[in-house]
């Protein structure tokens, strides 16, 4: 699980939870909850923790260290993680399937994301890097800064993720291909 990987990396670098909190801008309680798998984090806190620990965010989801190309055949990808999009009451509105979890040293994180409709609301997130989203099924709404974009099957968006943003299903479940680039 992600929490155990974060703890192992943090402890291997002799960094306390308090230091991670101070350097990431997150609270000690939030980091502790993530490490104990009590909270499903959004991408933003994971990226902040990864930066403090000096690793790629994908390191928290990796099980292998393949140097060459990675081929993920249909039906072979594993569900990497569920996120609650900064809303702790929504426990798993987005299920991420990693398409390159075995690739070591990668700079992009490609995912297929199944988005369930949620009535619990959401909070925007922001982090360094860029994101590309292509809608495979259904409709999604992307809040980006003060703008909102509605995308349907076959539509795409590419944006700087330093701007506050959120992706959610619109009118039922949706499925997207998302690639997240976070500079190390």
N, C-alpha and C. Protein backbone atom coordinates (compact mmCIF):
# COMPACT_ATOMS: atom_id res chain seq x y z
N UNK A 1 0.84 -1.19 0.00
CA UNK A 1 0.00 0.00 0.00
C UNK A 1 0.88 1.25 0.00
N UNK A 2 0.30 2.34 -0.42
CA UNK A 2 1.03 3.59 -0.56
C UNK A 2 1.58 4.08 0.77
N UNK A 3 0.79 4.00 1.83
CA UNK A 3 1.23 4.48 3.13
C UNK A 3 2.50 3.82 3.62
N UNK A 4 2.56 2.49 3.44
CA UNK A 4 3.75 1.76 3.87
C UNK A 4 4.97 2.16 3.06
N UNK A 5 4.79 2.42 1.77
CA UNK A 5 5.92 2.83 0.93
C UNK A 5 6.44 4.20 1.35
N UNK A 6 5.52 5.11 1.63
CA UNK A 6 5.93 6.45 2.07
C UNK A 6 6.71 6.34 3.38
N UNK A 7 6.17 5.57 4.31
CA UNK A 7 6.84 5.39 5.60
C UNK A 7 8.24 4.80 5.41
N UNK A 8 8.33 3.76 4.59
CA UNK A 8 9.63 3.10 4.37
C UNK A 8 10.64 4.05 3.76
N UNK A 9 10.23 4.82 2.77
CA UNK A 9 11.14 5.77 2.14
C UNK A 9 11.54 6.86 3.12
N UNK A 10 10.55 7.39 3.84
CA UNK A 10 10.83 8.46 4.81
C UNK A 10 11.81 7.98 5.87
N UNK A 11 11.57 6.79 6.41
CA UNK A 11 12.45 6.26 7.46
C UNK A 11 13.83 5.92 6.91
N UNK A 12 13.92 5.44 5.67
CA UNK A 12 15.22 5.12 5.09
C UNK A 12 16.08 6.36 4.90
N UNK A 13 15.42 7.51 4.80
CA UNK A 13 16.13 8.78 4.64
C UNK A 13 16.26 9.53 5.97
N UNK A 14 15.83 8.89 7.05
CA UNK A 14 15.88 9.47 8.40
C UNK A 14 15.21 10.84 8.45
N UNK A 15 14.02 10.92 7.87
CA UNK A 15 13.24 12.16 7.88
C UNK A 15 12.02 11.92 8.75
N UNK A 16 11.77 12.79 9.69
CA UNK A 16 10.62 12.64 10.58
C UNK A 16 9.35 13.12 9.88
N UNK A 17 8.22 12.67 10.41
CA UNK A 17 6.93 13.15 9.89
C UNK A 17 6.84 14.66 10.04
N UNK A 18 7.36 15.17 11.14
CA UNK A 18 7.33 16.63 11.38
C UNK A 18 8.12 17.37 10.29
N UNK A 19 9.26 16.82 9.90
CA UNK A 19 10.05 17.45 8.84
C UNK A 19 9.31 17.42 7.50
N UNK A 20 8.67 16.30 7.21
CA UNK A 20 7.90 16.21 5.97
C UNK A 20 6.78 17.24 5.99
N UNK A 21 6.11 17.36 7.12
CA UNK A 21 5.02 18.33 7.25
C UNK A 21 5.53 19.75 7.02
N UNK A 22 6.62 20.08 7.68
CA UNK A 22 7.17 21.44 7.56
C UNK A 22 7.57 21.76 6.13
N UNK A 23 8.23 20.83 5.48
CA UNK A 23 8.76 21.07 4.13
C UNK A 23 7.69 20.95 3.04
N UNK A 24 6.59 20.25 3.32
CA UNK A 24 5.56 20.06 2.31
C UNK A 24 4.38 21.01 2.46
N UNK A 25 4.24 21.60 3.66
CA UNK A 25 3.09 22.46 3.91
C UNK A 25 1.85 21.67 4.31
N UNK A 26 2.01 20.36 4.51
CA UNK A 26 0.91 19.52 4.97
C UNK A 26 0.96 19.42 6.48
N UNK A 27 -0.12 18.98 7.09
CA UNK A 27 -0.11 18.83 8.54
C UNK A 27 0.47 17.47 8.94
N UNK A 28 0.98 17.39 10.15
CA UNK A 28 1.49 16.12 10.69
C UNK A 28 0.38 15.09 10.69
N UNK A 29 -0.82 15.49 11.08
CA UNK A 29 -1.96 14.57 11.12
C UNK A 29 -2.28 14.04 9.73
N UNK A 30 -2.23 14.91 8.73
CA UNK A 30 -2.53 14.48 7.36
C UNK A 30 -1.52 13.45 6.88
N UNK A 31 -0.24 13.70 7.13
CA UNK A 31 0.80 12.76 6.71
C UNK A 31 0.66 11.45 7.46
N UNK A 32 0.41 11.53 8.75
CA UNK A 32 0.22 10.33 9.56
C UNK A 32 -0.96 9.51 9.04
N UNK A 33 -2.06 10.17 8.71
CA UNK A 33 -3.23 9.47 8.17
C UNK A 33 -2.93 8.80 6.84
N UNK A 34 -2.14 9.47 6.00
CA UNK A 34 -1.76 8.89 4.71
C UNK A 34 -0.86 7.68 4.93
N UNK A 35 0.13 7.82 5.80
CA UNK A 35 1.06 6.72 6.06
C UNK A 35 0.35 5.52 6.68
N UNK A 36 -0.68 5.76 7.47
CA UNK A 36 -1.43 4.67 8.10
C UNK A 36 -2.60 4.19 7.24
N UNK A 37 -2.66 4.67 6.00
CA UNK A 37 -3.72 4.30 5.05
C UNK A 37 -5.12 4.58 5.60
N UNK A 38 -5.24 5.65 6.41
CA UNK A 38 -6.54 6.04 6.96
C UNK A 38 -7.22 7.07 6.08
N UNK A 39 -6.45 7.75 5.24
CA UNK A 39 -6.97 8.78 4.35
C UNK A 39 -6.56 8.45 2.93
N UNK A 40 -7.50 8.56 2.01
CA UNK A 40 -7.18 8.42 0.60
C UNK A 40 -6.80 9.81 0.09
N UNK A 41 -5.52 10.04 -0.20
CA UNK A 41 -5.10 11.39 -0.58
C UNK A 41 -5.39 11.69 -2.04
N UNK A 42 -5.43 12.98 -2.36
CA UNK A 42 -5.47 13.38 -3.75
C UNK A 42 -4.03 13.37 -4.26
N UNK A 43 -3.85 13.65 -5.53
CA UNK A 43 -2.50 13.66 -6.11
C UNK A 43 -1.63 14.75 -5.49
N UNK A 44 -2.21 15.89 -5.19
CA UNK A 44 -1.42 17.02 -4.70
C UNK A 44 -0.60 16.71 -3.45
N UNK A 45 -1.18 16.14 -2.38
CA UNK A 45 -0.36 15.80 -1.21
C UNK A 45 0.71 14.76 -1.54
N UNK A 46 0.38 13.79 -2.39
CA UNK A 46 1.37 12.78 -2.76
C UNK A 46 2.55 13.40 -3.49
N UNK A 47 2.27 14.34 -4.35
CA UNK A 47 3.34 15.02 -5.08
C UNK A 47 4.21 15.83 -4.12
N UNK A 48 3.59 16.50 -3.17
CA UNK A 48 4.35 17.28 -2.18
C UNK A 48 5.24 16.38 -1.33
N UNK A 49 4.70 15.24 -0.91
CA UNK A 49 5.49 14.30 -0.10
C UNK A 49 6.63 13.73 -0.94
N UNK A 50 6.35 13.39 -2.19
CA UNK A 50 7.39 12.85 -3.07
C UNK A 50 8.53 13.85 -3.24
N UNK A 51 8.19 15.11 -3.40
CA UNK A 51 9.23 16.15 -3.56
C UNK A 51 10.10 16.24 -2.31
N UNK A 52 9.49 16.22 -1.14
CA UNK A 52 10.25 16.28 0.11
C UNK A 52 11.18 15.07 0.23
N UNK A 53 10.69 13.90 -0.18
CA UNK A 53 11.48 12.68 -0.05
C UNK A 53 12.45 12.48 -1.22
N UNK A 54 12.36 13.35 -2.23
CA UNK A 54 13.28 13.27 -3.35
C UNK A 54 13.04 12.09 -4.28
N UNK A 55 11.76 11.71 -4.42
CA UNK A 55 11.40 10.60 -5.31
C UNK A 55 10.27 11.04 -6.24
N UNK A 56 10.05 10.27 -7.30
CA UNK A 56 8.90 10.52 -8.17
C UNK A 56 7.64 10.08 -7.44
N UNK A 57 6.53 10.70 -7.73
CA UNK A 57 5.27 10.30 -7.11
C UNK A 57 4.97 8.84 -7.44
N UNK A 58 5.31 8.40 -8.64
CA UNK A 58 5.06 7.03 -9.05
C UNK A 58 5.78 6.00 -8.20
N UNK A 59 6.82 6.41 -7.50
CA UNK A 59 7.55 5.50 -6.62
C UNK A 59 6.61 4.90 -5.57
N UNK A 60 5.60 5.65 -5.15
CA UNK A 60 4.67 5.16 -4.14
C UNK A 60 3.78 4.05 -4.68
N UNK A 61 3.70 3.93 -6.02
CA UNK A 61 2.84 2.93 -6.64
C UNK A 61 3.63 1.83 -7.33
N UNK A 62 4.94 2.00 -7.42
CA UNK A 62 5.80 1.04 -8.13
C UNK A 62 6.00 -0.25 -7.36
N UNK A 63 6.06 -1.33 -8.09
CA UNK A 63 6.46 -2.61 -7.53
C UNK A 63 7.69 -3.15 -8.25
N UNK A 64 7.94 -2.68 -9.45
CA UNK A 64 9.05 -3.18 -10.26
C UNK A 64 9.92 -2.03 -10.74
N UNK A 65 11.10 -2.37 -11.21
CA UNK A 65 12.02 -1.37 -11.74
C UNK A 65 12.50 -1.78 -13.13
N UNK A 66 11.61 -1.77 -14.10
CA UNK A 66 11.93 -2.14 -15.48
C UNK A 66 12.59 -0.96 -16.17
N UNK A 67 13.73 -1.19 -16.80
CA UNK A 67 14.45 -0.12 -17.47
C UNK A 67 13.97 0.08 -18.89
N UNK A 68 13.70 -1.00 -19.62
CA UNK A 68 13.28 -0.92 -21.02
C UNK A 68 11.84 -0.50 -21.14
N UNK A 69 11.30 -0.65 -22.35
CA UNK A 69 9.90 -0.25 -22.57
C UNK A 69 8.94 -1.14 -21.78
N UNK A 70 7.81 -0.58 -21.46
CA UNK A 70 6.78 -1.29 -20.72
C UNK A 70 5.58 -1.46 -21.65
N UNK A 71 5.13 -2.67 -21.79
CA UNK A 71 3.94 -2.96 -22.57
C UNK A 71 2.88 -3.44 -21.58
N UNK A 72 1.73 -2.79 -21.59
CA UNK A 72 0.61 -3.20 -20.75
C UNK A 72 -0.50 -3.65 -21.68
N UNK A 73 -0.71 -4.94 -21.75
CA UNK A 73 -1.75 -5.48 -22.62
C UNK A 73 -3.12 -5.35 -21.96
N UNK A 74 -4.14 -5.29 -22.79
CA UNK A 74 -5.51 -5.17 -22.30
C UNK A 74 -5.78 -6.23 -21.24
N UNK A 75 -6.31 -5.81 -20.11
CA UNK A 75 -6.64 -6.73 -19.04
C UNK A 75 -5.50 -7.02 -18.08
N UNK A 76 -4.28 -6.52 -18.38
CA UNK A 76 -3.13 -6.79 -17.51
C UNK A 76 -2.84 -5.67 -16.52
N UNK A 77 -3.41 -4.49 -16.72
CA UNK A 77 -3.14 -3.38 -15.82
C UNK A 77 -3.81 -3.63 -14.48
N UNK A 78 -3.18 -3.15 -13.42
CA UNK A 78 -3.73 -3.31 -12.08
C UNK A 78 -4.24 -1.97 -11.57
N UNK A 79 -5.29 -2.04 -10.76
CA UNK A 79 -5.78 -0.83 -10.11
C UNK A 79 -4.67 -0.37 -9.17
N UNK A 80 -4.19 0.85 -9.39
CA UNK A 80 -3.08 1.36 -8.60
C UNK A 80 -3.56 1.95 -7.28
N UNK A 81 -4.65 2.70 -7.33
CA UNK A 81 -5.05 3.42 -6.13
C UNK A 81 -6.41 4.08 -6.37
N UNK A 82 -7.11 4.33 -5.31
CA UNK A 82 -8.32 5.13 -5.36
C UNK A 82 -8.05 6.43 -4.63
N UNK A 83 -8.56 7.51 -5.16
CA UNK A 83 -8.37 8.82 -4.53
C UNK A 83 -9.71 9.43 -4.19
N UNK A 84 -9.70 10.27 -3.17
CA UNK A 84 -10.93 10.93 -2.76
C UNK A 84 -10.97 12.39 -3.18
N UNK A 85 -9.98 12.85 -3.91
CA UNK A 85 -9.98 14.21 -4.42
C UNK A 85 -10.10 15.26 -3.32
N UNK A 86 -9.33 15.11 -2.28
CA UNK A 86 -9.28 16.06 -1.16
C UNK A 86 -10.56 16.09 -0.33
N UNK A 87 -11.51 15.23 -0.61
CA UNK A 87 -12.74 15.19 0.15
C UNK A 87 -12.75 13.88 0.93
N UNK A 88 -12.47 13.97 2.22
CA UNK A 88 -12.32 12.76 3.02
C UNK A 88 -13.60 11.97 3.15
N UNK A 89 -14.77 12.58 2.92
CA UNK A 89 -16.01 11.82 3.01
C UNK A 89 -16.26 11.01 1.75
N UNK A 90 -15.64 11.38 0.64
CA UNK A 90 -15.77 10.62 -0.61
C UNK A 90 -14.58 9.67 -0.67
N UNK A 91 -14.81 8.41 -0.35
CA UNK A 91 -13.68 7.49 -0.15
C UNK A 91 -13.06 6.95 -1.42
N UNK A 92 -13.76 6.89 -2.53
CA UNK A 92 -13.12 6.32 -3.71
C UNK A 92 -13.84 6.72 -4.99
N UNK A 93 -13.93 8.01 -5.26
CA UNK A 93 -14.64 8.46 -6.45
C UNK A 93 -13.82 8.28 -7.71
N UNK A 94 -12.50 8.07 -7.59
CA UNK A 94 -11.66 7.89 -8.76
C UNK A 94 -10.77 6.66 -8.55
N UNK A 95 -10.86 5.70 -9.47
CA UNK A 95 -10.01 4.52 -9.41
C UNK A 95 -8.97 4.61 -10.52
N UNK A 96 -7.72 4.71 -10.11
CA UNK A 96 -6.60 4.89 -11.03
C UNK A 96 -6.00 3.53 -11.40
N UNK A 97 -5.86 3.27 -12.68
CA UNK A 97 -5.17 2.08 -13.16
C UNK A 97 -3.88 2.55 -13.82
N UNK A 98 -2.76 2.20 -13.23
CA UNK A 98 -1.47 2.63 -13.76
C UNK A 98 -1.13 1.86 -15.02
N UNK A 99 -0.66 2.57 -16.03
CA UNK A 99 -0.27 1.94 -17.28
C UNK A 99 1.25 1.80 -17.41
N UNK A 100 2.00 2.29 -16.44
CA UNK A 100 3.46 2.22 -16.52
C UNK A 100 4.10 2.02 -15.16
N UNK A 101 3.39 1.40 -14.23
CA UNK A 101 3.89 1.24 -12.87
C UNK A 101 5.20 0.48 -12.78
N UNK A 102 5.51 -0.34 -13.78
CA UNK A 102 6.75 -1.12 -13.74
C UNK A 102 7.94 -0.37 -14.33
N UNK A 103 7.72 0.79 -14.94
CA UNK A 103 8.80 1.54 -15.59
C UNK A 103 9.57 2.36 -14.58
N UNK A 104 10.86 2.08 -14.45
CA UNK A 104 11.67 2.85 -13.51
C UNK A 104 12.11 4.15 -14.17
N UNK A 105 12.32 5.17 -13.37
CA UNK A 105 12.85 6.45 -13.84
C UNK A 105 11.92 7.24 -14.73
N UNK A 106 10.64 6.91 -14.74
CA UNK A 106 9.73 7.63 -15.63
C UNK A 106 9.45 9.03 -15.10
N UNK A 107 9.07 9.90 -16.01
CA UNK A 107 8.75 11.28 -15.66
C UNK A 107 7.27 11.59 -15.87
N UNK A 108 6.56 10.65 -16.51
CA UNK A 108 5.13 10.80 -16.73
C UNK A 108 4.41 9.66 -16.02
N UNK A 109 3.20 9.92 -15.60
CA UNK A 109 2.37 8.91 -14.94
C UNK A 109 1.10 8.74 -15.79
N UNK A 110 1.06 7.73 -16.66
CA UNK A 110 -0.17 7.50 -17.44
C UNK A 110 -1.14 6.60 -16.67
N UNK A 111 -2.39 6.98 -16.65
CA UNK A 111 -3.43 6.25 -15.93
C UNK A 111 -4.68 6.13 -16.79
N UNK A 112 -5.43 5.07 -16.59
CA UNK A 112 -6.84 5.02 -16.97
C UNK A 112 -7.57 5.27 -15.67
N UNK A 113 -8.48 6.21 -15.66
CA UNK A 113 -9.18 6.57 -14.43
C UNK A 113 -10.68 6.39 -14.62
N UNK A 114 -11.25 5.54 -13.79
CA UNK A 114 -12.70 5.38 -13.74
C UNK A 114 -13.22 6.37 -12.70
N UNK A 115 -14.11 7.26 -13.13
CA UNK A 115 -14.63 8.30 -12.24
C UNK A 115 -16.10 8.00 -11.95
N UNK A 116 -16.38 7.81 -10.69
CA UNK A 116 -17.76 7.57 -10.26
C UNK A 116 -18.41 8.93 -9.94
N UNK A 117 -19.70 9.07 -10.19
CA UNK A 117 -20.37 10.31 -9.82
C UNK A 117 -20.33 10.48 -8.30
N UNK A 118 -20.19 11.70 -7.86
CA UNK A 118 -20.14 11.98 -6.43
C UNK A 118 -21.00 13.19 -6.12
N UNK A 119 -21.75 13.09 -5.05
CA UNK A 119 -22.59 14.22 -4.62
C UNK A 119 -21.98 14.89 -3.39
N UNK A 120 -20.79 14.42 -2.98
CA UNK A 120 -20.16 14.93 -1.77
C UNK A 120 -19.38 16.22 -1.99
N UNK A 121 -19.35 16.73 -3.19
CA UNK A 121 -18.57 17.93 -3.47
C UNK A 121 -17.10 17.60 -3.65
N UNK A 122 -16.31 18.61 -3.87
CA UNK A 122 -14.89 18.40 -4.11
C UNK A 122 -14.11 19.67 -3.80
N UNK A 123 -12.82 19.52 -3.69
CA UNK A 123 -11.90 20.64 -3.55
C UNK A 123 -10.91 20.57 -4.70
N UNK A 124 -10.50 21.71 -5.18
CA UNK A 124 -9.50 21.72 -6.24
C UNK A 124 -8.13 21.40 -5.64
N UNK A 125 -7.23 20.98 -6.51
CA UNK A 125 -5.85 20.75 -6.08
C UNK A 125 -4.93 21.43 -7.07
N UNK A 126 -3.69 21.59 -6.67
CA UNK A 126 -2.71 22.16 -7.57
C UNK A 126 -1.34 21.63 -7.19
N UNK A 127 -0.49 21.47 -8.19
CA UNK A 127 0.85 20.94 -8.00
C UNK A 127 1.67 21.31 -9.22
N UNK A 128 2.97 21.21 -9.11
CA UNK A 128 3.82 21.50 -10.26
C UNK A 128 3.56 20.46 -11.34
N UNK A 129 3.77 20.85 -12.57
CA UNK A 129 3.69 19.91 -13.66
C UNK A 129 2.58 20.21 -14.64
N UNK A 130 2.25 19.20 -15.42
CA UNK A 130 1.26 19.31 -16.47
C UNK A 130 0.40 18.05 -16.48
N UNK A 131 -0.81 18.16 -17.03
CA UNK A 131 -1.70 17.02 -17.15
C UNK A 131 -2.36 17.03 -18.52
N UNK A 132 -2.55 15.83 -19.04
CA UNK A 132 -3.28 15.64 -20.29
C UNK A 132 -4.40 14.66 -20.00
N UNK A 133 -5.61 15.00 -20.41
CA UNK A 133 -6.78 14.14 -20.19
C UNK A 133 -7.49 13.93 -21.51
N UNK A 134 -7.81 12.65 -21.79
CA UNK A 134 -8.59 12.28 -22.96
C UNK A 134 -9.78 11.48 -22.46
N UNK A 135 -10.99 11.89 -22.82
CA UNK A 135 -12.20 11.23 -22.34
C UNK A 135 -12.49 10.00 -23.19
N UNK A 136 -12.49 8.84 -22.54
CA UNK A 136 -12.76 7.58 -23.22
C UNK A 136 -14.26 7.25 -23.22
N UNK A 137 -14.93 7.52 -22.09
CA UNK A 137 -16.36 7.23 -21.95
C UNK A 137 -17.00 8.27 -21.05
N UNK A 138 -18.26 8.56 -21.32
CA UNK A 138 -19.01 9.46 -20.46
C UNK A 138 -18.65 10.92 -20.66
N UNK A 139 -19.00 11.72 -19.66
CA UNK A 139 -18.76 13.16 -19.69
C UNK A 139 -18.06 13.56 -18.40
N UNK A 140 -17.13 14.49 -18.52
CA UNK A 140 -16.43 15.01 -17.35
C UNK A 140 -16.49 16.53 -17.36
N UNK A 141 -16.36 17.08 -16.17
CA UNK A 141 -16.24 18.52 -16.02
C UNK A 141 -14.90 18.79 -15.37
N UNK A 142 -14.16 19.71 -15.94
CA UNK A 142 -12.87 20.10 -15.39
C UNK A 142 -12.98 21.54 -14.93
N UNK A 143 -12.76 21.74 -13.65
CA UNK A 143 -12.67 23.09 -13.13
C UNK A 143 -11.19 23.45 -13.19
N UNK A 144 -10.87 24.54 -13.86
CA UNK A 144 -9.49 24.98 -14.04
C UNK A 144 -9.43 26.47 -13.77
N UNK A 145 -8.88 26.82 -12.61
CA UNK A 145 -8.90 28.23 -12.21
C UNK A 145 -10.33 28.68 -12.07
N UNK A 146 -10.70 29.74 -12.77
CA UNK A 146 -12.07 30.25 -12.71
C UNK A 146 -12.94 29.73 -13.85
N UNK A 147 -12.37 28.86 -14.70
CA UNK A 147 -13.10 28.34 -15.84
C UNK A 147 -13.59 26.91 -15.57
N UNK A 148 -14.63 26.52 -16.31
CA UNK A 148 -15.13 25.14 -16.28
C UNK A 148 -15.23 24.67 -17.72
N UNK A 149 -14.78 23.44 -17.94
CA UNK A 149 -14.84 22.83 -19.26
C UNK A 149 -15.61 21.53 -19.16
N UNK A 150 -16.56 21.32 -20.07
CA UNK A 150 -17.29 20.07 -20.14
C UNK A 150 -16.78 19.32 -21.35
N UNK A 151 -16.32 18.08 -21.10
CA UNK A 151 -15.77 17.27 -22.17
C UNK A 151 -16.53 15.95 -22.28
N UNK A 152 -16.71 15.50 -23.51
CA UNK A 152 -17.36 14.22 -23.78
C UNK A 152 -16.39 13.27 -24.45
N UNK A 153 -16.87 12.10 -24.77
CA UNK A 153 -16.06 11.07 -25.38
C UNK A 153 -15.31 11.62 -26.60
N UNK A 154 -14.00 11.39 -26.62
CA UNK A 154 -13.16 11.86 -27.73
C UNK A 154 -12.56 13.24 -27.52
N UNK A 155 -13.02 13.98 -26.51
CA UNK A 155 -12.48 15.30 -26.22
C UNK A 155 -11.25 15.19 -25.34
N UNK A 156 -10.39 16.21 -25.38
CA UNK A 156 -9.20 16.20 -24.53
C UNK A 156 -8.88 17.60 -24.04
N UNK A 157 -8.02 17.65 -23.02
CA UNK A 157 -7.54 18.92 -22.46
C UNK A 157 -6.11 18.70 -21.97
N UNK A 158 -5.29 19.71 -22.13
CA UNK A 158 -3.90 19.69 -21.66
C UNK A 158 -3.74 20.98 -20.87
N UNK A 159 -3.25 20.89 -19.62
CA UNK A 159 -3.15 22.10 -18.81
C UNK A 159 -1.98 22.04 -17.84
N UNK A 160 -1.60 23.23 -17.37
CA UNK A 160 -0.58 23.37 -16.33
C UNK A 160 -1.27 23.09 -15.01
N UNK A 161 -0.76 22.11 -14.26
CA UNK A 161 -1.44 21.70 -13.04
C UNK A 161 -1.09 22.56 -11.84
N UNK A 162 -0.29 23.60 -12.03
CA UNK A 162 -0.02 24.55 -10.95
C UNK A 162 -1.27 25.41 -10.70
N UNK A 163 -2.15 25.49 -11.69
CA UNK A 163 -3.41 26.21 -11.55
C UNK A 163 -4.39 25.27 -10.83
N UNK A 164 -5.12 25.80 -9.87
CA UNK A 164 -6.10 24.99 -9.12
C UNK A 164 -7.07 24.34 -10.09
N UNK A 165 -7.25 23.00 -9.92
CA UNK A 165 -8.07 22.26 -10.86
C UNK A 165 -8.75 21.07 -10.19
N UNK A 166 -9.77 20.56 -10.87
CA UNK A 166 -10.45 19.36 -10.41
C UNK A 166 -11.16 18.73 -11.59
N UNK A 167 -11.13 17.40 -11.64
CA UNK A 167 -11.81 16.64 -12.68
C UNK A 167 -12.87 15.78 -11.99
N UNK A 168 -14.09 15.81 -12.49
CA UNK A 168 -15.13 14.96 -11.93
C UNK A 168 -16.12 14.55 -13.01
N UNK A 169 -16.83 13.45 -12.75
CA UNK A 169 -17.82 12.94 -13.69
C UNK A 169 -19.01 13.89 -13.75
N UNK A 170 -19.57 13.98 -14.92
CA UNK A 170 -20.74 14.84 -15.14
C UNK A 170 -21.84 13.95 -15.70
N UNK A 171 -22.96 13.87 -15.05
CA UNK A 171 -24.10 13.07 -15.54
C UNK A 171 -23.77 11.59 -15.62
N UNK A 172 -23.27 11.00 -14.56
CA UNK A 172 -22.99 9.56 -14.54
C UNK A 172 -21.50 9.27 -14.54
N UNK A 173 -21.15 8.00 -14.55
CA UNK A 173 -19.75 7.58 -14.51
C UNK A 173 -19.03 7.94 -15.80
N UNK A 174 -17.70 8.05 -15.69
CA UNK A 174 -16.87 8.38 -16.86
C UNK A 174 -15.55 7.63 -16.76
N UNK A 175 -14.86 7.56 -17.88
CA UNK A 175 -13.54 6.93 -17.92
C UNK A 175 -12.63 7.83 -18.76
N UNK A 176 -11.44 8.10 -18.22
CA UNK A 176 -10.50 8.96 -18.93
C UNK A 176 -9.12 8.31 -18.99
N UNK A 177 -8.35 8.75 -19.96
CA UNK A 177 -6.92 8.47 -20.02
C UNK A 177 -6.27 9.76 -19.56
N UNK A 178 -5.44 9.67 -18.52
CA UNK A 178 -4.79 10.86 -17.99
C UNK A 178 -3.29 10.60 -17.89
N UNK A 179 -2.52 11.58 -18.32
CA UNK A 179 -1.07 11.51 -18.15
C UNK A 179 -0.67 12.72 -17.34
N UNK A 180 0.01 12.45 -16.22
CA UNK A 180 0.46 13.50 -15.32
C UNK A 180 1.97 13.57 -15.40
N UNK A 181 2.50 14.76 -15.63
CA UNK A 181 3.95 14.99 -15.62
C UNK A 181 4.26 15.88 -14.42
N UNK A 182 5.15 15.41 -13.58
CA UNK A 182 5.57 16.18 -12.41
C UNK A 182 7.09 16.25 -12.46
N UNK A 183 7.66 17.45 -12.59
CA UNK A 183 9.12 17.54 -12.61
C UNK A 183 9.72 17.11 -11.27
N UNK A 184 10.84 16.41 -11.34
CA UNK A 184 11.49 15.94 -10.11
C UNK A 184 12.41 17.01 -9.59
